[in-house]
Structures are given as structure tokens and as C-alpha cells.
């Protein structure tokens, strides 16, 4: 089974919906409006390696939702997720990357990533005590870059007028500042 499509009007992937589907290889299409993935929804799906297809409306990933899957990265986890439950990603032996991370405001259960040895090793190699600490830091770094770049682009878009050479020079200095900030933040990862 390559994937599935969530029907219009569905707001959650129910408990045990795809649990034990040993041939489920992708999430397929989850429409906007899906706000939750319930307990054990994708538990024990060893061929499920990617979370591509999660909608921006998703806010909750419940207990053991992706436990014992073949996930390798959380690079498609929407920033709208506010709750990650107990053992949500536990026993994912191939999981090695947090991707964009998750908001510092997101509640991540302390055991959300239990028994994910490759992920813990990757976090510790970056200097973090846990995957959760790494995920929250990574989110802040990505957002910092986005905020700085957005601010510079806004300055660059503003109309400085024909007679404002000083403001044009300030806009050019911003490019140098962005490079410095991005290099500094990148070195901190």
C-alpha cells in the first residue's frame, strides 16, 4: 500500500487506524482540516519512512502515533503542532534527524522519542542532551534565519525614493548583516 487519501471533512486520523499496516509506505494526502493524529494511528508501520503529506492544520500527535515506524527524519513536521504525546515516535530505530524541529511552545512528552538510539546519538553529536532539546533549538535557529531574512527583504522592497542614497546604503549593509547572522547561527547548530 503506497498511501491513502483522507476524505474531506475528516478532522483526525483515528486510534489504531493504520496500526500494524506492514506495507504502508507513505502518508499519501492528508487534507487541510486534519488537526489530530490519534493514539497508535500509524504504530508498527515499518515501511513508513517519511511524514510528507502532513497538513499545516495539524496540532496534535497523540501517544504512540508513529511508534515503531521506519521514519528517518521529521523534516515535514508542521510548525503548527502544539502537542507531541507519550512515545509518539518511540522505537524508531532509523530516525536520525529532527528537521525543522518544533516550537518551544510545543509540549513534547519526555518519552516522545524513547528508544531512538540514532536520533539520540545525532542530538548528542550536536551537543544536546536529548532529541527534544535539539528539536526546540533547531526550530529557533530556523525561525531566526527566517525572521532576519524577512526583515531584510522588507527593507529592500520599501521604496527609498530617488533622492535617498543613505537609505540605499543601509539596505546594502543589511545584506552583509544577514550573511554575518546566518553564518553565526549556522556555526551554533
N, C-alpha and C. Protein backbone atom coordinates (compact mmCIF):
# COMPACT_ATOMS: atom_id res chain seq x y z
N UNK A 1 0.86 -1.18 0.00
CA UNK A 1 0.00 0.00 0.00
C UNK A 1 0.89 1.23 0.00
N UNK A 2 0.83 2.01 -1.05
CA UNK A 2 1.70 3.18 -1.15
C UNK A 2 1.24 4.30 -0.23
N UNK A 3 -0.02 4.60 -0.18
CA UNK A 3 -0.51 5.69 0.64
C UNK A 3 -2.01 5.67 0.68
N UNK A 4 -2.59 6.73 1.18
CA UNK A 4 -4.04 6.82 1.28
C UNK A 4 -4.42 8.28 1.14
N UNK A 5 -5.71 8.54 1.01
CA UNK A 5 -6.20 9.91 0.96
C UNK A 5 -7.26 10.06 2.04
N UNK A 6 -7.10 11.07 2.88
CA UNK A 6 -8.07 11.34 3.92
C UNK A 6 -9.24 12.09 3.28
N UNK A 7 -10.43 11.60 3.50
CA UNK A 7 -11.63 12.19 2.89
C UNK A 7 -11.90 13.59 3.44
N UNK A 8 -12.57 14.38 2.64
CA UNK A 8 -12.95 15.74 3.06
C UNK A 8 -13.83 15.65 4.30
N UNK A 9 -13.64 16.59 5.20
CA UNK A 9 -14.44 16.65 6.42
C UNK A 9 -13.86 15.87 7.59
N UNK A 10 -12.87 15.01 7.34
CA UNK A 10 -12.24 14.25 8.42
C UNK A 10 -11.28 15.18 9.16
N UNK A 11 -11.37 15.21 10.50
CA UNK A 11 -10.52 16.10 11.28
C UNK A 11 -9.43 15.39 12.06
N UNK A 12 -9.47 14.05 12.07
CA UNK A 12 -8.44 13.31 12.79
C UNK A 12 -8.26 11.92 12.19
N UNK A 13 -7.03 11.43 12.27
CA UNK A 13 -6.76 10.04 11.93
C UNK A 13 -6.98 9.28 13.23
N UNK A 14 -7.98 8.43 13.25
CA UNK A 14 -8.44 7.77 14.47
C UNK A 14 -7.44 6.78 15.06
N UNK A 15 -7.68 6.43 16.34
CA UNK A 15 -6.86 5.45 17.04
C UNK A 15 -6.78 4.14 16.26
N UNK A 16 -5.60 3.60 16.15
CA UNK A 16 -5.32 2.31 15.51
C UNK A 16 -5.73 2.26 14.03
N UNK A 17 -5.98 3.41 13.40
CA UNK A 17 -6.47 3.44 12.01
C UNK A 17 -5.59 2.63 11.05
N UNK A 18 -4.28 2.79 11.15
CA UNK A 18 -3.36 2.09 10.25
C UNK A 18 -2.34 1.26 11.04
N UNK A 19 -2.60 1.05 12.30
CA UNK A 19 -1.68 0.32 13.16
C UNK A 19 -1.44 -1.09 12.61
N UNK A 20 -0.17 -1.45 12.51
CA UNK A 20 0.19 -2.77 12.04
C UNK A 20 0.15 -2.95 10.53
N UNK A 21 -0.03 -1.87 9.77
CA UNK A 21 -0.03 -1.97 8.30
C UNK A 21 1.42 -2.09 7.84
N UNK A 22 1.88 -3.28 7.70
CA UNK A 22 3.28 -3.54 7.39
C UNK A 22 3.67 -3.12 5.98
N UNK A 23 2.70 -2.84 5.10
CA UNK A 23 3.02 -2.44 3.73
C UNK A 23 2.74 -0.96 3.46
N UNK A 24 2.31 -0.21 4.48
CA UNK A 24 2.06 1.22 4.31
C UNK A 24 3.40 1.94 4.15
N UNK A 25 3.62 2.56 2.97
CA UNK A 25 4.92 3.16 2.68
C UNK A 25 4.90 4.69 2.71
N UNK A 26 3.74 5.32 2.64
CA UNK A 26 3.69 6.79 2.69
C UNK A 26 2.35 7.24 3.24
N UNK A 27 2.32 8.50 3.68
CA UNK A 27 1.08 9.04 4.24
C UNK A 27 0.08 9.43 3.18
N UNK A 28 0.51 9.54 1.93
CA UNK A 28 -0.44 9.96 0.90
C UNK A 28 -0.86 11.40 1.11
N UNK A 29 -2.15 11.67 1.04
CA UNK A 29 -2.65 13.03 1.12
C UNK A 29 -3.53 13.19 2.35
N UNK A 30 -3.10 14.06 3.25
CA UNK A 30 -3.94 14.46 4.37
C UNK A 30 -4.40 15.87 4.09
N UNK A 31 -5.66 16.04 3.92
CA UNK A 31 -6.20 17.36 3.57
C UNK A 31 -6.09 18.34 4.74
N UNK A 32 -6.07 19.63 4.39
CA UNK A 32 -6.15 20.67 5.42
C UNK A 32 -7.43 20.43 6.20
N UNK A 33 -7.39 20.70 7.47
CA UNK A 33 -8.55 20.46 8.32
C UNK A 33 -8.31 19.30 9.28
N UNK A 34 -7.34 18.43 8.94
CA UNK A 34 -6.97 17.35 9.87
C UNK A 34 -6.14 18.00 10.97
N UNK A 35 -6.65 17.93 12.21
CA UNK A 35 -5.96 18.58 13.33
C UNK A 35 -5.27 17.61 14.27
N UNK A 36 -5.61 16.32 14.17
CA UNK A 36 -5.01 15.38 15.10
C UNK A 36 -4.71 14.03 14.50
N UNK A 37 -3.66 13.41 15.01
CA UNK A 37 -3.33 12.02 14.71
C UNK A 37 -3.42 11.32 16.06
N UNK A 38 -4.38 10.42 16.18
CA UNK A 38 -4.71 9.82 17.47
C UNK A 38 -3.74 8.69 17.86
N UNK A 39 -3.95 8.15 19.05
CA UNK A 39 -3.09 7.11 19.62
C UNK A 39 -2.95 5.91 18.68
N UNK A 40 -1.74 5.46 18.50
CA UNK A 40 -1.39 4.25 17.74
C UNK A 40 -1.85 4.29 16.28
N UNK A 41 -2.15 5.47 15.74
CA UNK A 41 -2.69 5.58 14.37
C UNK A 41 -1.79 4.91 13.33
N UNK A 42 -0.48 5.08 13.45
CA UNK A 42 0.47 4.50 12.48
C UNK A 42 1.49 3.60 13.18
N UNK A 43 1.14 3.10 14.33
CA UNK A 43 2.01 2.22 15.11
C UNK A 43 2.40 0.99 14.30
N UNK A 44 3.66 0.61 14.37
CA UNK A 44 4.17 -0.61 13.72
C UNK A 44 3.93 -0.64 12.21
N UNK A 45 4.32 0.43 11.55
CA UNK A 45 4.31 0.50 10.08
C UNK A 45 5.77 0.64 9.64
N UNK A 46 6.51 -0.45 9.53
CA UNK A 46 7.96 -0.38 9.32
C UNK A 46 8.39 0.23 7.99
N UNK A 47 7.52 0.25 6.97
CA UNK A 47 7.90 0.84 5.68
C UNK A 47 7.60 2.34 5.60
N UNK A 48 6.94 2.87 6.61
CA UNK A 48 6.63 4.31 6.63
C UNK A 48 7.90 5.07 7.02
N UNK A 49 8.53 5.73 6.03
CA UNK A 49 9.83 6.36 6.26
C UNK A 49 9.79 7.89 6.26
N UNK A 50 8.67 8.48 5.84
CA UNK A 50 8.60 9.93 5.72
C UNK A 50 7.23 10.44 6.15
N UNK A 51 7.21 11.65 6.70
CA UNK A 51 5.95 12.28 7.10
C UNK A 51 5.46 13.30 6.08
N UNK A 52 5.94 13.23 4.85
CA UNK A 52 5.45 14.15 3.83
C UNK A 52 3.95 13.95 3.68
N UNK A 53 3.24 15.03 3.62
CA UNK A 53 1.79 14.96 3.49
C UNK A 53 1.04 15.43 4.71
N UNK A 54 1.77 15.84 5.78
CA UNK A 54 1.07 16.36 6.95
C UNK A 54 0.60 17.77 6.68
N UNK A 55 -0.67 18.08 6.99
CA UNK A 55 -1.20 19.42 6.69
C UNK A 55 -0.78 20.45 7.73
N UNK A 56 -0.81 21.71 7.36
CA UNK A 56 -0.50 22.81 8.28
C UNK A 56 -1.55 22.96 9.38
N UNK A 57 -2.70 22.32 9.22
CA UNK A 57 -3.75 22.39 10.24
C UNK A 57 -3.48 21.44 11.41
N UNK A 58 -2.50 20.56 11.28
CA UNK A 58 -2.22 19.56 12.32
C UNK A 58 -1.69 20.23 13.58
N UNK A 59 -2.31 19.91 14.73
CA UNK A 59 -1.86 20.48 16.01
C UNK A 59 -1.45 19.43 17.03
N UNK A 60 -1.96 18.19 16.88
CA UNK A 60 -1.73 17.19 17.92
C UNK A 60 -1.30 15.85 17.33
N UNK A 61 -0.23 15.30 17.90
CA UNK A 61 0.20 13.94 17.59
C UNK A 61 0.16 13.20 18.92
N UNK A 62 -0.78 12.27 19.04
CA UNK A 62 -1.03 11.59 20.32
C UNK A 62 -0.04 10.46 20.60
N UNK A 63 -0.22 9.85 21.76
CA UNK A 63 0.65 8.78 22.25
C UNK A 63 0.82 7.67 21.22
N UNK A 64 2.06 7.28 21.02
CA UNK A 64 2.44 6.13 20.17
C UNK A 64 1.94 6.23 18.73
N UNK A 65 1.63 7.44 18.27
CA UNK A 65 1.07 7.62 16.91
C UNK A 65 1.98 7.05 15.82
N UNK A 66 3.28 7.25 15.94
CA UNK A 66 4.24 6.77 14.93
C UNK A 66 5.27 5.82 15.54
N UNK A 67 4.88 5.14 16.60
CA UNK A 67 5.78 4.23 17.31
C UNK A 67 6.17 3.06 16.40
N UNK A 68 7.42 2.70 16.43
CA UNK A 68 7.95 1.54 15.68
C UNK A 68 7.70 1.65 14.18
N UNK A 69 7.94 2.84 13.64
CA UNK A 69 7.86 3.03 12.19
C UNK A 69 9.27 3.10 11.63
N UNK A 70 9.39 3.21 10.32
CA UNK A 70 10.69 3.32 9.66
C UNK A 70 11.12 4.75 9.41
N UNK A 71 10.52 5.72 10.12
CA UNK A 71 10.84 7.13 9.90
C UNK A 71 12.34 7.38 10.02
N UNK A 72 12.86 8.22 9.11
CA UNK A 72 14.27 8.59 9.14
C UNK A 72 14.47 10.05 9.52
N UNK A 73 13.45 10.87 9.32
CA UNK A 73 13.56 12.31 9.59
C UNK A 73 12.19 12.89 9.89
N UNK A 74 12.18 13.95 10.67
CA UNK A 74 10.94 14.69 10.93
C UNK A 74 10.96 16.01 10.16
N UNK A 75 11.51 15.99 8.94
CA UNK A 75 11.68 17.22 8.17
C UNK A 75 10.37 17.82 7.67
N UNK A 76 9.28 17.11 7.75
CA UNK A 76 7.99 17.64 7.27
C UNK A 76 7.01 17.87 8.41
N UNK A 77 7.49 17.93 9.63
CA UNK A 77 6.62 18.17 10.78
C UNK A 77 6.17 19.63 10.75
N UNK A 78 4.86 19.90 10.64
CA UNK A 78 4.41 21.30 10.56
C UNK A 78 4.70 22.07 11.85
N UNK A 79 4.96 23.34 11.72
CA UNK A 79 5.25 24.19 12.89
C UNK A 79 4.00 24.44 13.72
N UNK A 80 2.84 24.02 13.23
CA UNK A 80 1.58 24.23 13.94
C UNK A 80 1.34 23.20 15.03
N UNK A 81 2.16 22.14 15.08
CA UNK A 81 1.98 21.09 16.09
C UNK A 81 2.28 21.68 17.47
N UNK A 82 1.31 21.53 18.40
CA UNK A 82 1.46 22.07 19.75
C UNK A 82 1.61 20.99 20.80
N UNK A 83 1.31 19.73 20.44
CA UNK A 83 1.40 18.63 21.39
C UNK A 83 1.94 17.38 20.70
N UNK A 84 2.98 16.80 21.29
CA UNK A 84 3.52 15.52 20.84
C UNK A 84 3.48 14.60 22.05
N UNK A 85 2.68 13.52 21.96
CA UNK A 85 2.39 12.67 23.10
C UNK A 85 3.45 11.67 23.48
N UNK A 86 3.13 10.92 24.54
CA UNK A 86 3.98 9.89 25.10
C UNK A 86 4.32 8.84 24.04
N UNK A 87 5.59 8.58 23.86
CA UNK A 87 6.09 7.56 22.92
C UNK A 87 5.61 7.77 21.49
N UNK A 88 5.28 9.02 21.12
CA UNK A 88 4.75 9.30 19.78
C UNK A 88 5.67 8.79 18.68
N UNK A 89 6.98 8.91 18.88
CA UNK A 89 7.97 8.46 17.89
C UNK A 89 8.94 7.44 18.50
N UNK A 90 8.51 6.74 19.54
CA UNK A 90 9.37 5.78 20.23
C UNK A 90 9.68 4.59 19.33
N UNK A 91 10.83 3.99 19.57
CA UNK A 91 11.26 2.77 18.87
C UNK A 91 11.39 2.98 17.36
N UNK A 92 11.74 4.17 16.94
CA UNK A 92 12.01 4.46 15.52
C UNK A 92 13.53 4.39 15.35
N UNK A 93 14.02 3.20 15.10
CA UNK A 93 15.47 2.96 15.08
C UNK A 93 16.19 3.72 13.98
N UNK A 94 15.52 4.02 12.87
CA UNK A 94 16.17 4.71 11.74
C UNK A 94 16.09 6.23 11.84
N UNK A 95 15.36 6.75 12.82
CA UNK A 95 15.17 8.20 12.95
C UNK A 95 16.49 8.86 13.35
N UNK A 96 16.98 9.78 12.50
CA UNK A 96 18.28 10.43 12.76
C UNK A 96 18.22 11.94 12.73
N UNK A 97 17.09 12.53 12.33
CA UNK A 97 17.05 13.99 12.16
C UNK A 97 15.72 14.57 12.60
N UNK A 98 15.80 15.71 13.26
CA UNK A 98 14.61 16.42 13.69
C UNK A 98 14.04 17.28 12.55
N UNK A 99 14.88 17.66 11.59
CA UNK A 99 14.39 18.53 10.50
C UNK A 99 14.21 19.94 11.00
N UNK A 100 13.06 20.57 10.71
CA UNK A 100 12.87 21.95 11.14
C UNK A 100 12.61 22.08 12.63
N UNK A 101 12.44 20.95 13.33
CA UNK A 101 12.22 21.00 14.76
C UNK A 101 10.79 21.34 15.11
N UNK A 102 10.58 21.77 16.36
CA UNK A 102 9.25 22.12 16.82
C UNK A 102 9.34 23.32 17.74
N UNK A 103 8.26 24.06 17.79
CA UNK A 103 8.22 25.31 18.54
C UNK A 103 8.55 25.09 20.01
N UNK A 104 9.24 26.04 20.64
CA UNK A 104 9.48 25.94 22.08
C UNK A 104 8.19 25.90 22.87
N UNK A 105 7.09 26.39 22.27
CA UNK A 105 5.79 26.36 22.94
C UNK A 105 5.11 25.00 22.81
N UNK A 106 5.64 24.14 21.96
CA UNK A 106 5.06 22.82 21.75
C UNK A 106 5.35 21.95 22.98
N UNK A 107 4.31 21.27 23.49
CA UNK A 107 4.53 20.32 24.57
C UNK A 107 4.99 19.01 23.95
N UNK A 108 6.19 18.58 24.31
CA UNK A 108 6.73 17.31 23.84
C UNK A 108 6.91 16.43 25.07
N UNK A 109 6.17 15.32 25.10
CA UNK A 109 6.27 14.41 26.24
C UNK A 109 7.72 13.95 26.39
N UNK A 110 8.22 13.85 27.63
CA UNK A 110 9.62 13.43 27.83
C UNK A 110 9.98 12.10 27.19
N UNK A 111 9.01 11.22 26.96
CA UNK A 111 9.29 9.92 26.36
C UNK A 111 8.88 9.85 24.89
N UNK A 112 8.63 11.00 24.28
CA UNK A 112 8.17 11.02 22.89
C UNK A 112 9.15 10.33 21.95
N UNK A 113 10.45 10.43 22.23
CA UNK A 113 11.48 9.85 21.38
C UNK A 113 12.26 8.74 22.10
N UNK A 114 11.59 8.04 23.01
CA UNK A 114 12.30 7.00 23.75
C UNK A 114 12.71 5.85 22.84
N UNK A 115 13.86 5.31 23.12
CA UNK A 115 14.44 4.20 22.36
C UNK A 115 14.59 4.53 20.87
N UNK A 116 15.13 5.70 20.60
CA UNK A 116 15.53 6.11 19.24
C UNK A 116 17.04 6.37 19.29
N UNK A 117 17.84 5.32 19.31
CA UNK A 117 19.27 5.48 19.57
C UNK A 117 20.00 6.34 18.53
N UNK A 118 19.65 6.24 17.27
CA UNK A 118 20.34 7.03 16.24
C UNK A 118 20.01 8.52 16.40
N UNK A 119 18.78 8.83 16.77
CA UNK A 119 18.39 10.22 16.97
C UNK A 119 19.10 10.80 18.20
N UNK A 120 19.16 10.03 19.27
CA UNK A 120 19.86 10.49 20.47
C UNK A 120 21.34 10.72 20.17
N UNK A 121 21.95 9.81 19.43
CA UNK A 121 23.37 9.96 19.07
C UNK A 121 23.58 11.22 18.22
N UNK A 122 22.67 11.48 17.27
CA UNK A 122 22.78 12.68 16.43
C UNK A 122 22.63 13.94 17.28
N UNK A 123 21.69 13.94 18.23
CA UNK A 123 21.49 15.09 19.11
C UNK A 123 22.73 15.32 19.97
N UNK A 124 23.26 14.25 20.54
CA UNK A 124 24.44 14.38 21.39
C UNK A 124 25.66 14.82 20.60
N UNK A 125 25.77 14.40 19.35
CA UNK A 125 26.88 14.84 18.50
C UNK A 125 26.82 16.34 18.25
N UNK A 126 25.61 16.91 18.29
CA UNK A 126 25.43 18.36 18.13
C UNK A 126 25.57 19.09 19.46
N UNK A 127 25.75 18.34 20.56
CA UNK A 127 25.95 18.96 21.87
C UNK A 127 24.68 19.07 22.71
N UNK A 128 23.63 18.35 22.35
CA UNK A 128 22.37 18.41 23.10
C UNK A 128 22.17 17.14 23.90
N UNK A 129 21.53 17.27 25.05
CA UNK A 129 21.31 16.12 25.93
C UNK A 129 20.20 15.21 25.43
N UNK A 130 19.28 15.76 24.62
CA UNK A 130 18.14 14.96 24.16
C UNK A 130 17.67 15.44 22.79
N UNK A 131 16.86 14.61 22.16
CA UNK A 131 16.27 14.98 20.87
C UNK A 131 15.32 16.15 21.03
N UNK A 132 14.64 16.22 22.16
CA UNK A 132 13.69 17.32 22.40
C UNK A 132 14.43 18.64 22.48
N UNK A 133 15.53 18.68 23.21
CA UNK A 133 16.34 19.90 23.32
C UNK A 133 16.84 20.33 21.94
N UNK A 134 17.33 19.35 21.16
CA UNK A 134 17.81 19.63 19.81
C UNK A 134 16.69 20.16 18.93
N UNK A 135 15.52 19.54 19.00
CA UNK A 135 14.38 19.95 18.18
C UNK A 135 13.93 21.38 18.47
N UNK A 136 13.89 21.74 19.72
CA UNK A 136 13.48 23.11 20.07
C UNK A 136 14.54 24.13 19.65
N UNK A 137 15.81 23.79 19.82
CA UNK A 137 16.89 24.68 19.38
C UNK A 137 16.86 24.85 17.86
N UNK A 138 16.69 23.74 17.16
CA UNK A 138 16.69 23.78 15.69
C UNK A 138 15.56 24.67 15.18
N UNK A 139 14.40 24.59 15.81
CA UNK A 139 13.25 25.43 15.42
C UNK A 139 13.61 26.90 15.60
N UNK A 140 14.25 27.24 16.73
CA UNK A 140 14.62 28.64 16.98
C UNK A 140 15.62 29.14 15.94
N UNK A 141 16.59 28.30 15.57
CA UNK A 141 17.59 28.69 14.57
C UNK A 141 16.91 28.95 13.23
N UNK A 142 16.06 28.04 12.80
CA UNK A 142 15.36 28.19 11.51
C UNK A 142 14.51 29.45 11.54
N UNK A 143 13.79 29.69 12.64
CA UNK A 143 12.95 30.88 12.73
C UNK A 143 13.77 32.16 12.77
N UNK A 144 14.93 32.12 13.45
CA UNK A 144 15.81 33.28 13.49
C UNK A 144 16.25 33.65 12.08
N UNK A 145 16.69 32.66 11.32
CA UNK A 145 17.11 32.92 9.94
C UNK A 145 15.96 33.51 9.14
N UNK A 146 14.78 32.92 9.27
CA UNK A 146 13.62 33.39 8.52
C UNK A 146 13.28 34.83 8.90
N UNK A 147 13.29 35.14 10.20
CA UNK A 147 12.95 36.49 10.66
C UNK A 147 13.93 37.53 10.13
N UNK A 148 15.22 37.22 10.21
CA UNK A 148 16.24 38.16 9.74
C UNK A 148 16.09 38.36 8.23
N UNK A 149 15.97 37.27 7.50
CA UNK A 149 15.85 37.38 6.05
C UNK A 149 14.57 38.12 5.65
N UNK A 150 13.46 37.87 6.34
CA UNK A 150 12.21 38.56 6.05
C UNK A 150 12.35 40.06 6.28
N UNK A 151 13.02 40.41 7.38
CA UNK A 151 13.20 41.83 7.69
C UNK A 151 14.02 42.53 6.61
N UNK A 152 15.09 41.87 6.17
CA UNK A 152 15.94 42.46 5.14
C UNK A 152 15.18 42.59 3.83
N UNK A 153 14.44 41.56 3.48
CA UNK A 153 13.67 41.63 2.24
C UNK A 153 12.65 42.77 2.30
N UNK A 154 12.07 43.01 3.47
CA UNK A 154 11.10 44.10 3.61
C UNK A 154 11.81 45.44 3.40
N UNK A 155 12.99 45.60 4.01
CA UNK A 155 13.75 46.85 3.83
C UNK A 155 14.08 47.03 2.36
N UNK A 156 14.50 45.93 1.70
CA UNK A 156 14.87 46.02 0.29
C UNK A 156 13.67 46.36 -0.60
N UNK A 157 12.47 45.91 -0.20
CA UNK A 157 11.27 46.16 -1.01
C UNK A 157 10.75 47.58 -0.86
N UNK A 158 11.01 48.17 0.30
CA UNK A 158 10.48 49.52 0.53
C UNK A 158 11.01 50.49 -0.52
N UNK A 159 10.18 51.44 -0.87
CA UNK A 159 10.57 52.44 -1.86
C UNK A 159 11.38 53.52 -1.15
N UNK A 160 12.67 53.60 -1.47
CA UNK A 160 13.53 54.58 -0.83
C UNK A 160 13.46 55.94 -1.52
N UNK A 161 12.88 55.99 -2.65
CA UNK A 161 12.81 57.26 -3.36
C UNK A 161 14.10 57.53 -4.11
N UNK A 162 14.03 58.39 -5.07
CA UNK A 162 15.18 58.70 -5.92
C UNK A 162 16.28 59.43 -5.16
N UNK A 163 15.91 60.26 -4.19
CA UNK A 163 16.91 61.11 -3.55
C UNK A 163 17.38 60.61 -2.20
N UNK A 164 17.43 59.32 -1.98
CA UNK A 164 17.79 58.82 -0.67
C UNK A 164 18.97 57.85 -0.74
N UNK A 165 20.18 58.34 -1.03
CA UNK A 165 21.33 57.45 -1.11
C UNK A 165 21.69 56.81 0.22
N UNK A 166 21.43 57.51 1.33
CA UNK A 166 21.75 56.96 2.64
C UNK A 166 20.92 55.70 2.90
N UNK A 167 19.63 55.75 2.63
CA UNK A 167 18.78 54.58 2.85
C UNK A 167 19.18 53.43 1.92
N UNK A 168 19.62 53.74 0.72
CA UNK A 168 20.07 52.68 -0.20
C UNK A 168 21.32 52.00 0.36
N UNK A 169 22.23 52.78 0.96
CA UNK A 169 23.43 52.20 1.56
C UNK A 169 23.07 51.33 2.76
N UNK A 170 22.10 51.77 3.55
CA UNK A 170 21.65 50.98 4.70
C UNK A 170 21.10 49.64 4.22
N UNK A 171 20.35 49.66 3.13
CA UNK A 171 19.80 48.42 2.58
C UNK A 171 20.91 47.47 2.16
N UNK A 172 21.97 47.99 1.57
CA UNK A 172 23.09 47.14 1.18
C UNK A 172 23.83 46.59 2.39
N UNK A 173 23.94 47.41 3.46
CA UNK A 173 24.58 46.94 4.68
C UNK A 173 23.79 45.78 5.30
N UNK A 174 22.47 45.81 5.12
CA UNK A 174 21.64 44.74 5.67
C UNK A 174 22.02 43.38 5.08
N UNK A 175 22.37 43.35 3.80
CA UNK A 175 22.78 42.09 3.19
C UNK A 175 24.01 41.53 3.90
N UNK A 176 24.98 42.40 4.21
CA UNK A 176 26.17 41.96 4.92
C UNK A 176 25.82 41.46 6.32
N UNK A 177 24.91 42.18 6.98
CA UNK A 177 24.47 41.79 8.32
C UNK A 177 23.80 40.42 8.29
N UNK A 178 22.96 40.16 7.30
CA UNK A 178 22.29 38.87 7.19
C UNK A 178 23.32 37.76 7.03
N UNK A 179 24.31 37.98 6.17
CA UNK A 179 25.34 36.96 5.98
C UNK A 179 26.05 36.66 7.31
N UNK A 180 26.37 37.71 8.06
CA UNK A 180 27.05 37.52 9.35
C UNK A 180 26.17 36.75 10.32
N UNK A 181 24.89 37.11 10.42
CA UNK A 181 23.98 36.44 11.36
C UNK A 181 23.78 34.99 10.97
N UNK A 182 23.55 34.71 9.69
CA UNK A 182 23.33 33.35 9.22
C UNK A 182 24.57 32.50 9.45
N UNK A 183 25.76 33.05 9.20
CA UNK A 183 27.00 32.31 9.47
C UNK A 183 27.15 32.02 10.95
N UNK A 184 26.84 33.02 11.80
CA UNK A 184 26.96 32.83 13.24
C UNK A 184 25.97 31.77 13.74
N UNK A 185 24.72 31.90 13.32
CA UNK A 185 23.70 30.95 13.76
C UNK A 185 24.01 29.55 13.24
N UNK A 186 24.47 29.47 12.01
CA UNK A 186 24.84 28.16 11.45
C UNK A 186 25.95 27.49 12.23
N UNK A 187 26.89 28.30 12.70
CA UNK A 187 28.00 27.75 13.48
C UNK A 187 27.53 27.23 14.84
N UNK A 188 26.41 27.77 15.32
CA UNK A 188 25.88 27.36 16.62
C UNK A 188 25.08 26.07 16.56
N UNK A 189 24.73 25.62 15.36
CA UNK A 189 23.89 24.42 15.24
C UNK A 189 24.64 23.18 15.65
